[in-house]
Amino acid sequence: MMSRQDLTMIRATEPERIDHAWASRSRRPLLHDDGRMLLVAADHPARAALGVRDNPMAMADRGDTLDRLAAALDRPGVDGVLGTADILEDLLLMGALEGKIVIGSMNRGGLQGASFEMDDRFTGYTPSGISQRGLDGGKMLTRICLDDPGTVATLQASAHAVDELAERRLMAMVEPFLSTRDERGRVTNLLDPDSTIRSIHVASGLGTTSAHTWLKLPVVDDLARVMDATTLPTLLLGGDPQGDPTETYGSWEKALALPSVRGLVVGRALLYPPDNDVAAAVDIAAQLVHNVGAHS
């Protein structure tokens, strides 16, 4: 496997290899016959969100993160990855993106804990950049805080991104939350059913077409009622589970039985499981999404 030193040397002496690798990368259809998708997410670090459970710097070591991502992408049933350009380009040079779905993370400007967190500027991939490199779509975090004027800029930027991706017939993955700020200014996403339903309706109405819009939603209580709020294909957010992983897997299994749910986008829960066995955690998720076993 390519080392960190190898990646740095290529970036320093042969940066054009990145463009060449995008141009020659083998691709696949967005969905296979079962109409489902399992993506691994790794765009948290670009928003200064490095923590996993009780370790605030769990994702700080880029080499370790890349090793975990490569291990996950190598498992049967994993369709692809969601990330920012720096991580995706490393994986590309490592050969880990061949035949995979690749989704570019678009807005990372709302840094975790920042006073401007809700003004979530688009500082990552652009629709044109996604198209030029042969990625399959773009993801936008769209938090809606009624008490924060930064929200309107995020909504407007998300609407433009939905349109520009749709013009290129690329997936626009919108991840909406109704959010609040506490007395210390900390942003909290509201994960009750009614708040999630309201966020769905706002996200679904972004842009001049929703033909290529997908939703990325949290697993919340009363999810069947929540999913009645949309006809858009939906991937569920794996989150950063704090308790027993078997409870998380059970909630995923129930959620995947709902017709609008097309799969999972999971990051830290698979890359940093409590027992540190990435392959085993990924195999469980693949079995739930695709009915794919570890030896299929």
C-alpha atoms as a PDB file:
ATOM      1  CA  MET A   1       0.000   0.000   0.000  1.00  0.00           C
ATOM      2  CA  MET A   2       1.195   3.499  -0.811  1.00  0.00           C
ATOM      3  CA  SER A   3       2.668   5.248   2.228  1.00  0.00           C
ATOM      4  CA  ARG A   4       2.208   8.810   3.404  1.00  0.00           C
ATOM      5  CA  GLN A   5       5.735   9.521   2.225  1.00  0.00           C
ATOM      6  CA  ASP A   6       4.871   8.216  -1.255  1.00  0.00           C
ATOM      7  CA  LEU A   7       1.778  10.401  -1.424  1.00  0.00           C
ATOM      8  CA  THR A   8       3.710  13.483  -0.335  1.00  0.00           C
ATOM      9  CA  MET A   9       6.431  12.816  -2.914  1.00  0.00           C
ATOM     10  CA  ILE A  10       3.882  12.512  -5.720  1.00  0.00           C
ATOM     11  CA  ARG A  11       2.170  15.705  -4.618  1.00  0.00           C
ATOM     12  CA  ALA A  12       5.498  17.532  -4.472  1.00  0.00           C
ATOM     13  CA  THR A  13       7.047  16.276  -7.704  1.00  0.00           C
ATOM     14  CA  GLU A  14       4.233  14.950  -9.927  1.00  0.00           C
ATOM     15  CA  PRO A  15       0.980  16.704  -9.007  1.00  0.00           C
ATOM     16  CA  GLU A  16      -0.298  16.176 -12.547  1.00  0.00           C
ATOM     17  CA  ARG A  17      -0.693  12.491 -11.690  1.00  0.00           C
ATOM     18  CA  ILE A  18      -3.852  13.396  -9.777  1.00  0.00           C
ATOM     19  CA  ASP A  19      -5.607  14.773 -12.875  1.00  0.00           C
ATOM     20  CA  HIS A  20      -4.404  11.817 -14.935  1.00  0.00           C
ATOM     21  CA  ALA A  21      -5.713   9.394 -12.332  1.00  0.00           C
ATOM     22  CA  TRP A  22      -9.158  11.020 -12.320  1.00  0.00           C
ATOM     23  CA  ALA A  23      -9.279  10.843 -16.122  1.00  0.00           C
ATOM     24  CA  SER A  24      -8.381   7.143 -16.220  1.00  0.00           C
ATOM     25  CA  ARG A  25     -10.383   5.972 -13.208  1.00  0.00           C
ATOM     26  CA  SER A  26     -12.848   3.156 -13.896  1.00  0.00           C
ATOM     27  CA  ARG A  27     -16.427   4.080 -13.056  1.00  0.00           C
ATOM     28  CA  ARG A  28     -19.710   2.278 -12.429  1.00  0.00           C
ATOM     29  CA  PRO A  29     -23.437   3.052 -12.487  1.00  0.00           C
ATOM     30  CA  LEU A  30     -24.790   5.006  -9.552  1.00  0.00           C
ATOM     31  CA  LEU A  31     -26.988   2.070  -8.504  1.00  0.00           C
ATOM     32  CA  HIS A  32     -26.763  -1.653  -9.101  1.00  0.00           C
ATOM     33  CA  ASP A  33     -29.768  -3.942  -9.491  1.00  0.00           C
ATOM     34  CA  ASP A  34     -30.898  -3.794  -5.871  1.00  0.00           C
ATOM     35  CA  GLY A  35     -31.188   0.008  -6.026  1.00  0.00           C
ATOM     36  CA  ARG A  36     -29.234   0.439  -2.781  1.00  0.00           C
ATOM     37  CA  MET A  37     -26.001   2.119  -1.780  1.00  0.00           C
ATOM     38  CA  LEU A  38     -23.456   1.965   1.037  1.00  0.00           C
ATOM     39  CA  LEU A  39     -21.041   4.885   1.213  1.00  0.00           C
ATOM     40  CA  VAL A  40     -18.239   5.548   3.667  1.00  0.00           C
ATOM     41  CA  ALA A  41     -17.995   9.192   4.771  1.00  0.00           C
ATOM     42  CA  ALA A  42     -14.734  10.981   5.535  1.00  0.00           C
ATOM     43  CA  ASP A  43     -15.403  14.695   5.197  1.00  0.00           C
ATOM     44  CA  HIS A  44     -15.508  15.484   8.917  1.00  0.00           C
ATOM     45  CA  PRO A  45     -11.869  16.682   9.314  1.00  0.00           C
ATOM     46  CA  ALA A  46     -12.281  19.566   6.852  1.00  0.00           C
ATOM     47  CA  ARG A  47     -14.845  21.083   9.217  1.00  0.00           C
ATOM     48  CA  ALA A  48     -12.425  20.689  12.167  1.00  0.00           C
ATOM     49  CA  ALA A  49     -14.543  17.800  13.488  1.00  0.00           C
ATOM     50  CA  LEU A  50     -11.897  15.221  14.397  1.00  0.00           C
ATOM     51  CA  GLY A  51     -13.505  13.563  17.399  1.00  0.00           C
ATOM     52  CA  VAL A  52     -14.866  10.052  17.777  1.00  0.00           C
ATOM     53  CA  ARG A  53     -16.638   9.211  21.044  1.00  0.00           C
ATOM     54  CA  ASP A  54     -14.302  10.315  23.867  1.00  0.00           C
ATOM     55  CA  ASN A  55     -11.232  10.947  21.670  1.00  0.00           C
ATOM     56  CA  PRO A  56     -11.323  14.539  20.330  1.00  0.00           C
ATOM     57  CA  MET A  57      -8.368  13.910  17.970  1.00  0.00           C
ATOM     58  CA  ALA A  58      -9.254  10.454  16.652  1.00  0.00           C
ATOM     59  CA  MET A  59      -9.113  11.517  12.988  1.00  0.00           C
ATOM     60  CA  ALA A  60      -5.991  13.679  13.310  1.00  0.00           C
ATOM     61  CA  ASP A  61      -3.569  11.123  11.825  1.00  0.00           C
ATOM     62  CA  ARG A  62      -4.141  11.213   8.058  1.00  0.00           C
ATOM     63  CA  GLY A  63      -2.233   7.997   7.394  1.00  0.00           C
ATOM     64  CA  ASP A  64      -4.342   6.105   9.917  1.00  0.00           C
ATOM     65  CA  THR A  65      -7.554   7.546   8.458  1.00  0.00           C
ATOM     66  CA  LEU A  66      -6.507   6.559   4.938  1.00  0.00           C
ATOM     67  CA  ASP A  67      -5.667   3.021   6.054  1.00  0.00           C
ATOM     68  CA  ARG A  68      -9.108   2.686   7.622  1.00  0.00           C
ATOM     69  CA  LEU A  69     -10.805   4.072   4.522  1.00  0.00           C
ATOM     70  CA  ALA A  70      -8.873   1.764   2.218  1.00  0.00           C
ATOM     71  CA  ALA A  71      -9.797  -1.213   4.388  1.00  0.00           C
ATOM     72  CA  ALA A  72     -13.471  -0.210   4.279  1.00  0.00           C
ATOM     73  CA  LEU A  73     -13.522   0.379   0.511  1.00  0.00           C
ATOM     74  CA  ASP A  74     -11.970  -3.025  -0.071  1.00  0.00           C
ATOM     75  CA  ARG A  75     -14.876  -4.887   1.557  1.00  0.00           C
ATOM     76  CA  PRO A  76     -17.664  -6.471  -0.547  1.00  0.00           C
ATOM     77  CA  GLY A  77     -20.793  -4.362  -0.739  1.00  0.00           C
ATOM     78  CA  VAL A  78     -19.162  -0.978  -0.176  1.00  0.00           C
ATOM     79  CA  ASP A  79     -20.225   1.184  -3.110  1.00  0.00           C
ATOM     80  CA  GLY A  80     -18.059   4.237  -2.567  1.00  0.00           C
ATOM     81  CA  VAL A  81     -16.950   7.164  -0.492  1.00  0.00           C
ATOM     82  CA  LEU A  82     -17.865  10.726   0.407  1.00  0.00           C
ATOM     83  CA  GLY A  83     -15.038  13.155   1.110  1.00  0.00           C
ATOM     84  CA  THR A  84     -13.165  16.372   0.446  1.00  0.00           C
ATOM     85  CA  ALA A  85     -10.595  16.736  -2.313  1.00  0.00           C
ATOM     86  CA  ASP A  86      -7.545  16.130  -0.116  1.00  0.00           C
ATOM     87  CA  ILE A  87      -8.780  12.759   1.134  1.00  0.00           C
ATOM     88  CA  LEU A  88     -10.279  11.655  -2.170  1.00  0.00           C
ATOM     89  CA  GLU A  89      -7.076  12.467  -4.054  1.00  0.00           C
ATOM     90  CA  ASP A  90      -5.002  10.410  -1.629  1.00  0.00           C
ATOM     91  CA  LEU A  91      -7.401   7.487  -2.040  1.00  0.00           C
ATOM     92  CA  LEU A  92      -7.296   7.985  -5.808  1.00  0.00           C
ATOM     93  CA  LEU A  93      -3.499   7.750  -5.881  1.00  0.00           C
ATOM     94  CA  MET A  94      -3.706   4.648  -3.703  1.00  0.00           C
ATOM     95  CA  GLY A  95      -5.975   2.999  -6.286  1.00  0.00           C
ATOM     96  CA  ALA A  96      -8.842   2.709  -3.799  1.00  0.00           C
ATOM     97  CA  LEU A  97     -11.444   4.512  -5.939  1.00  0.00           C
ATOM     98  CA  GLU A  98     -11.462   2.199  -8.937  1.00  0.00           C
ATOM     99  CA  GLY A  99     -15.016   1.180  -9.763  1.00  0.00           C
ATOM    100  CA  LYS A 100     -16.413   3.151  -6.810  1.00  0.00           C
ATOM    101  CA  ILE A 101     -19.046   5.854  -6.423  1.00  0.00           C
ATOM    102  CA  VAL A 102     -17.312   9.086  -5.390  1.00  0.00           C
ATOM    103  CA  ILE A 103     -19.232  12.001  -3.849  1.00  0.00           C
ATOM    104  CA  GLY A 104     -17.490  15.324  -3.280  1.00  0.00           C
ATOM    105  CA  SER A 105     -18.174  17.296  -0.100  1.00  0.00           C
ATOM    106  CA  MET A 106     -19.008  20.865  -1.037  1.00  0.00           C
ATOM    107  CA  ASN A 107     -19.519  23.110   2.008  1.00  0.00           C
ATOM    108  CA  ARG A 108     -17.044  22.855   4.866  1.00  0.00           C
ATOM    109  CA  GLY A 109     -16.899  26.524   5.851  1.00  0.00           C
ATOM    110  CA  GLY A 110     -19.107  26.156   8.921  1.00  0.00           C
ATOM    111  CA  LEU A 111     -16.289  25.044  11.181  1.00  0.00           C
ATOM    112  CA  GLN A 112     -17.280  23.160  14.295  1.00  0.00           C
ATOM    113  CA  GLY A 113     -17.549  25.556  17.224  1.00  0.00           C
ATOM    114  CA  ALA A 114     -17.043  28.728  15.153  1.00  0.00           C
ATOM    115  CA  SER A 115     -19.106  31.873  15.697  1.00  0.00           C
ATOM    116  CA  PHE A 116     -19.896  31.686  11.965  1.00  0.00           C
ATOM    117  CA  GLU A 117     -20.734  27.969  11.987  1.00  0.00           C
ATOM    118  CA  MET A 118     -24.223  28.416  10.541  1.00  0.00           C
ATOM    119  CA  ASP A 119     -22.919  30.490   7.607  1.00  0.00           C
ATOM    120  CA  ASP A 120     -21.718  27.274   6.018  1.00  0.00           C
ATOM    121  CA  ARG A 121     -19.808  28.584   3.005  1.00  0.00           C
ATOM    122  CA  PHE A 122     -19.059  26.336   0.034  1.00  0.00           C
ATOM    123  CA  THR A 123     -15.301  25.966   0.411  1.00  0.00           C
ATOM    124  CA  GLY A 124     -14.902  22.447  -1.010  1.00  0.00           C
ATOM    125  CA  TYR A 125     -15.924  20.932  -4.304  1.00  0.00           C
ATOM    126  CA  THR A 126     -17.863  22.941  -6.896  1.00  0.00           C
ATOM    127  CA  PRO A 127     -20.328  21.392  -9.357  1.00  0.00           C
ATOM    128  CA  SER A 128     -17.957  22.101 -12.253  1.00  0.00           C
ATOM    129  CA  GLY A 129     -15.030  20.569 -10.379  1.00  0.00           C
ATOM    130  CA  ILE A 130     -17.085  17.497  -9.561  1.00  0.00           C
ATOM    131  CA  SER A 131     -18.058  17.079 -13.200  1.00  0.00           C
ATOM    132  CA  GLN A 132     -14.566  17.697 -14.586  1.00  0.00           C
ATOM    133  CA  ARG A 133     -13.049  15.009 -12.364  1.00  0.00           C
ATOM    134  CA  GLY A 134     -15.686  12.405 -13.055  1.00  0.00           C
ATOM    135  CA  LEU A 135     -17.180  12.319  -9.575  1.00  0.00           C
ATOM    136  CA  ASP A 136     -20.744  11.090  -9.215  1.00  0.00           C
ATOM    137  CA  GLY A 137     -22.267  13.892  -7.180  1.00  0.00           C
ATOM    138  CA  GLY A 138     -21.898  16.477  -4.463  1.00  0.00           C
ATOM    139  CA  LYS A 139     -23.029  16.591  -0.852  1.00  0.00           C
ATOM    140  CA  MET A 140     -24.113  19.716   1.000  1.00  0.00           C
ATOM    141  CA  LEU A 141     -24.717  20.046   4.722  1.00  0.00           C
ATOM    142  CA  THR A 142     -27.784  22.296   5.058  1.00  0.00           C
ATOM    143  CA  ARG A 143     -28.436  23.305   8.654  1.00  0.00           C
ATOM    144  CA  ILE A 144     -31.428  25.538   9.280  1.00  0.00           C
ATOM    145  CA  CYS A 145     -31.269  27.753  12.360  1.00  0.00           C
ATOM    146  CA  LEU A 146     -34.197  30.155  12.525  1.00  0.00           C
ATOM    147  CA  ASP A 147     -32.338  32.440  14.952  1.00  0.00           C
ATOM    148  CA  ASP A 148     -29.145  32.699  12.882  1.00  0.00           C
ATOM    149  CA  PRO A 149     -29.031  34.914   9.766  1.00  0.00           C
ATOM    150  CA  GLY A 150     -26.180  32.814   8.383  1.00  0.00           C
ATOM    151  CA  THR A 151     -28.746  30.174   7.488  1.00  0.00           C
ATOM    152  CA  VAL A 152     -30.129  32.076   4.516  1.00  0.00           C
ATOM    153  CA  ALA A 153     -26.738  32.196   2.770  1.00  0.00           C
ATOM    154  CA  THR A 154     -26.369  28.444   3.226  1.00  0.00           C
ATOM    155  CA  LEU A 155     -29.859  27.819   1.830  1.00  0.00           C
ATOM    156  CA  GLN A 156     -29.178  30.008  -1.185  1.00  0.00           C
ATOM    157  CA  ALA A 157     -25.838  28.334  -1.894  1.00  0.00           C
ATOM    158  CA  SER A 158     -27.408  24.900  -1.536  1.00  0.00           C
ATOM    159  CA  ALA A 159     -30.162  25.811  -3.996  1.00  0.00           C
ATOM    160  CA  HIS A 160     -27.578  26.951  -6.551  1.00  0.00           C
ATOM    161  CA  ALA A 161     -25.583  23.742  -6.050  1.00  0.00           C
ATOM    162  CA  VAL A 162     -28.699  21.600  -6.544  1.00  0.00           C
ATOM    163  CA  ASP A 163     -29.368  23.356  -9.856  1.00  0.00           C
ATOM    164  CA  GLU A 164     -25.789  23.175 -11.103  1.00  0.00           C
ATOM    165  CA  LEU A 165     -25.455  19.491 -10.263  1.00  0.00           C
ATOM    166  CA  ALA A 166     -28.812  18.723 -11.880  1.00  0.00           C
ATOM    167  CA  GLU A 167     -27.695  20.494 -15.071  1.00  0.00           C
ATOM    168  CA  ARG A 168     -24.848  17.969 -15.201  1.00  0.00           C
ATOM    169  CA  ARG A 169     -27.140  15.055 -14.244  1.00  0.00           C
ATOM    170  CA  LEU A 170     -25.197  14.448 -11.074  1.00  0.00           C
ATOM    171  CA  MET A 171     -26.509  13.528  -7.641  1.00  0.00           C
ATOM    172  CA  ALA A 172     -27.170  16.429  -5.285  1.00  0.00           C
ATOM    173  CA  MET A 173     -27.014  14.937  -1.785  1.00  0.00           C
ATOM    174  CA  VAL A 174     -28.643  17.362   0.646  1.00  0.00           C
ATOM    175  CA  GLU A 175     -28.137  16.754   4.377  1.00  0.00           C
ATOM    176  CA  PRO A 176     -30.670  18.950   6.235  1.00  0.00           C
ATOM    177  CA  PHE A 177     -31.065  19.591   9.950  1.00  0.00           C
ATOM    178  CA  LEU A 178     -33.104  21.993  12.000  1.00  0.00           C
ATOM    179  CA  SER A 179     -30.507  23.402  14.384  1.00  0.00           C
ATOM    180  CA  THR A 180     -30.298  25.652  17.436  1.00  0.00           C
ATOM    181  CA  ARG A 181     -27.623  27.496  19.400  1.00  0.00           C
ATOM    182  CA  ASP A 182     -27.443  27.083  23.162  1.00  0.00           C
ATOM    183  CA  GLU A 183     -26.567  29.831  25.644  1.00  0.00           C
ATOM    184  CA  ARG A 184     -22.861  29.228  25.010  1.00  0.00           C
ATOM    185  CA  GLY A 185     -23.296  29.514  21.256  1.00  0.00           C
ATOM    186  CA  ARG A 186     -22.856  25.797  20.596  1.00  0.00           C
ATOM    187  CA  VAL A 187     -24.797  24.441  17.606  1.00  0.00           C
ATOM    188  CA  THR A 188     -27.034  21.451  18.226  1.00  0.00           C
ATOM    189  CA  ASN A 189     -29.007  19.565  15.581  1.00  0.00           C
ATOM    190  CA  LEU A 190     -32.589  18.786  16.572  1.00  0.00           C
ATOM    191  CA  LEU A 191     -33.154  15.059  16.108  1.00  0.00           C
ATOM    192  CA  ASP A 192     -36.821  14.731  16.976  1.00  0.00           C
ATOM    193  CA  PRO A 193     -39.238  13.560  14.254  1.00  0.00           C
ATOM    194  CA  ASP A 194     -41.076  16.852  13.724  1.00  0.00           C
ATOM    195  CA  SER A 195     -37.858  18.863  13.360  1.00  0.00           C
ATOM    196  CA  THR A 196     -36.514  16.312  10.886  1.00  0.00           C
ATOM    197  CA  ILE A 197     -39.757  16.461   8.875  1.00  0.00           C
ATOM    198  CA  ARG A 198     -39.550  20.255   8.694  1.00  0.00           C
ATOM    199  CA  SER A 199     -35.940  20.068   7.492  1.00  0.00           C
ATOM    200  CA  ILE A 200     -36.944  17.551   4.816  1.00  0.00           C
ATOM    201  CA  HIS A 201     -39.537  19.895   3.368  1.00  0.00           C
ATOM    202  CA  VAL A 202     -37.089  22.802   3.230  1.00  0.00           C
ATOM    203  CA  ALA A 203     -34.371  20.659   1.621  1.00  0.00           C
ATOM    204  CA  SER A 204     -36.756  19.113  -0.906  1.00  0.00           C
ATOM    205  CA  GLY A 205     -37.783  22.547  -2.181  1.00  0.00           C
ATOM    206  CA  LEU A 206     -34.269  23.795  -2.944  1.00  0.00           C
ATOM    207  CA  GLY A 207     -33.500  24.655  -6.561  1.00  0.00           C
ATOM    208  CA  THR A 208     -35.534  24.669  -9.779  1.00  0.00           C
ATOM    209  CA  THR A 209     -35.604  20.868 -10.035  1.00  0.00           C
ATOM    210  CA  SER A 210     -35.362  18.003  -7.577  1.00  0.00           C
ATOM    211  CA  ALA A 211     -34.847  15.397 -10.309  1.00  0.00           C
ATOM    212  CA  HIS A 212     -31.327  14.576  -9.090  1.00  0.00           C
ATOM    213  CA  THR A 213     -31.770  15.411  -5.395  1.00  0.00           C
ATOM    214  CA  TRP A 214     -31.164  12.768  -2.743  1.00  0.00           C
ATOM    215  CA  LEU A 215     -31.519  13.293   0.990  1.00  0.00           C
ATOM    216  CA  LYS A 216     -29.083  12.274   3.711  1.00  0.00           C
ATOM    217  CA  LEU A 217     -31.004  12.010   6.966  1.00  0.00           C
ATOM    218  CA  PRO A 218     -30.367  10.936  10.554  1.00  0.00           C
ATOM    219  CA  VAL A 219     -31.986   7.852  12.032  1.00  0.00           C
ATOM    220  CA  VAL A 220     -34.577   9.329  14.400  1.00  0.00           C
ATOM    221  CA  ASP A 221     -37.588   8.053  16.330  1.00  0.00           C
ATOM    222  CA  ASP A 222     -40.792   7.390  14.391  1.00  0.00           C
ATOM    223  CA  LEU A 223     -38.774   7.140  11.192  1.00  0.00           C
ATOM    224  CA  ALA A 224     -41.639   5.654   9.165  1.00  0.00           C
ATOM    225  CA  ARG A 225     -43.661   8.848   9.733  1.00  0.00           C
ATOM    226  CA  VAL A 226     -40.596  10.960   8.986  1.00  0.00           C
ATOM    227  CA  MET A 227     -40.042   9.203   5.666  1.00  0.00           C
ATOM    228  CA  ASP A 228     -43.671   9.829   4.705  1.00  0.00           C
ATOM    229  CA  ALA A 229     -42.556  13.464   4.245  1.00  0.00           C
ATOM    230  CA  THR A 230     -40.695  12.767   0.992  1.00  0.00           C
ATOM    231  CA  THR A 231     -40.561  10.813  -2.230  1.00  0.00           C
ATOM    232  CA  LEU A 232     -36.864  11.638  -2.701  1.00  0.00           C
ATOM    233  CA  PRO A 233     -34.432   8.737  -2.440  1.00  0.00           C
ATOM    234  CA  THR A 234     -32.771   8.838   0.954  1.00  0.00           C
ATOM    235  CA  LEU A 235     -29.538   7.613   2.474  1.00  0.00           C
ATOM    236  CA  LEU A 236     -29.371   7.398   6.239  1.00  0.00           C
ATOM    237  CA  LEU A 237     -26.621   8.991   8.289  1.00  0.00           C
ATOM    238  CA  GLY A 238     -24.709   6.515  10.413  1.00  0.00           C
ATOM    239  CA  GLY A 239     -23.582   9.146  12.924  1.00  0.00           C
ATOM    240  CA  ASP A 240     -21.092   8.708  15.766  1.00  0.00           C
ATOM    241  CA  PRO A 241     -22.740   6.140  18.066  1.00  0.00           C
ATOM    242  CA  GLN A 242     -21.914   6.425  21.741  1.00  0.00           C
ATOM    243  CA  GLY A 243     -23.440   3.209  23.051  1.00  0.00           C
ATOM    244  CA  ASP A 244     -23.636  -0.472  22.153  1.00  0.00           C
ATOM    245  CA  PRO A 245     -22.956  -0.913  18.392  1.00  0.00           C
ATOM    246  CA  THR A 246     -25.508  -3.745  18.211  1.00  0.00           C
ATOM    247  CA  GLU A 247     -28.245  -1.233  19.055  1.00  0.00           C
ATOM    248  CA  THR A 248     -27.051   0.958  16.196  1.00  0.00           C
ATOM    249  CA  TYR A 249     -27.043  -1.958  13.767  1.00  0.00           C
ATOM    250  CA  GLY A 250     -30.550  -2.866  14.877  1.00  0.00           C
ATOM    251  CA  SER A 251     -31.832   0.644  14.221  1.00  0.00           C
ATOM    252  CA  TRP A 252     -30.214   0.602  10.766  1.00  0.00           C
ATOM    253  CA  GLU A 253     -31.872  -2.723   9.945  1.00  0.00           C
ATOM    254  CA  LYS A 254     -35.334  -1.415  10.812  1.00  0.00           C
ATOM    255  CA  ALA A 255     -34.770   1.805   8.899  1.00  0.00           C
ATOM    256  CA  LEU A 256     -33.569   0.044   5.753  1.00  0.00           C
ATOM    257  CA  ALA A 257     -36.922  -1.742   5.506  1.00  0.00           C
ATOM    258  CA  LEU A 258     -38.619   1.579   4.655  1.00  0.00           C
ATOM    259  CA  PRO A 259     -39.226   2.041   0.900  1.00  0.00           C
ATOM    260  CA  SER A 260     -37.714   5.529   0.518  1.00  0.00           C
ATOM    261  CA  VAL A 261     -34.504   4.477   2.267  1.00  0.00           C
ATOM    262  CA  ARG A 262     -31.926   3.506  -0.328  1.00  0.00           C
ATOM    263  CA  GLY A 263     -28.960   2.824   1.925  1.00  0.00           C
ATOM    264  CA  LEU A 264     -26.451   4.244   4.377  1.00  0.00           C
ATOM    265  CA  VAL A 265     -23.717   6.882   4.513  1.00  0.00           C
ATOM    266  CA  VAL A 266     -21.554   5.948   7.482  1.00  0.00           C
ATOM    267  CA  GLY A 267     -18.267   7.423   8.633  1.00  0.00           C
ATOM    268  CA  ARG A 268     -16.979   7.182  12.161  1.00  0.00           C
ATOM    269  CA  ALA A 269     -19.230   4.285  13.170  1.00  0.00           C
ATOM    270  CA  LEU A 270     -17.498   2.075  10.602  1.00  0.00           C
ATOM    271  CA  LEU A 271     -14.037   3.607  10.476  1.00  0.00           C
ATOM    272  CA  TYR A 272     -13.599   3.782  14.264  1.00  0.00           C
ATOM    273  CA  PRO A 273     -15.685   0.985  15.812  1.00  0.00           C
ATOM    274  CA  PRO A 274     -15.198   0.339  19.556  1.00  0.00           C
ATOM    275  CA  ASP A 275     -13.284  -2.889  18.911  1.00  0.00           C
ATOM    276  CA  ASN A 276     -11.224  -1.224  16.124  1.00  0.00           C
ATOM    277  CA  ASP A 277     -12.189  -3.984  13.646  1.00  0.00           C
ATOM    278  CA  VAL A 278     -13.045  -1.912  10.585  1.00  0.00           C
ATOM    279  CA  ALA A 279     -13.629  -4.890   8.299  1.00  0.00           C
ATOM    280  CA  ALA A 280     -16.097  -6.538  10.678  1.00  0.00           C
ATOM    281  CA  ALA A 281     -18.099  -3.333  11.163  1.00  0.00           C
ATOM    282  CA  VAL A 282     -18.214  -2.693   7.423  1.00  0.00           C
ATOM    283  CA  ASP A 283     -19.306  -6.263   6.711  1.00  0.00           C
ATOM    284  CA  ILE A 284     -22.274  -5.866   9.059  1.00  0.00           C
ATOM    285  CA  ALA A 285     -23.344  -2.676   7.290  1.00  0.00           C
ATOM    286  CA  ALA A 286     -22.918  -4.295   3.848  1.00  0.00           C
ATOM    287  CA  GLN A 287     -25.030  -7.242   4.940  1.00  0.00           C
ATOM    288  CA  LEU A 288     -27.784  -4.895   6.115  1.00  0.00           C
ATOM    289  CA  VAL A 289     -27.748  -2.765   2.949  1.00  0.00           C
ATOM    290  CA  HIS A 290     -27.050  -5.310   0.216  1.00  0.00           C
ATOM    291  CA  ASN A 291     -27.398  -8.711   1.876  1.00  0.00           C
ATOM    292  CA  VAL A 292     -23.730  -9.191   0.990  1.00  0.00           C
ATOM    293  CA  GLY A 293     -21.636 -11.458   3.168  1.00  0.00           C
ATOM    294  CA  ALA A 294     -17.958 -11.086   3.897  1.00  0.00           C
ATOM    295  CA  HIS A 295     -17.131 -13.950   1.542  1.00  0.00           C
ATOM    296  CA  SER A 296     -19.511 -13.117  -1.309  1.00  0.00           C
END
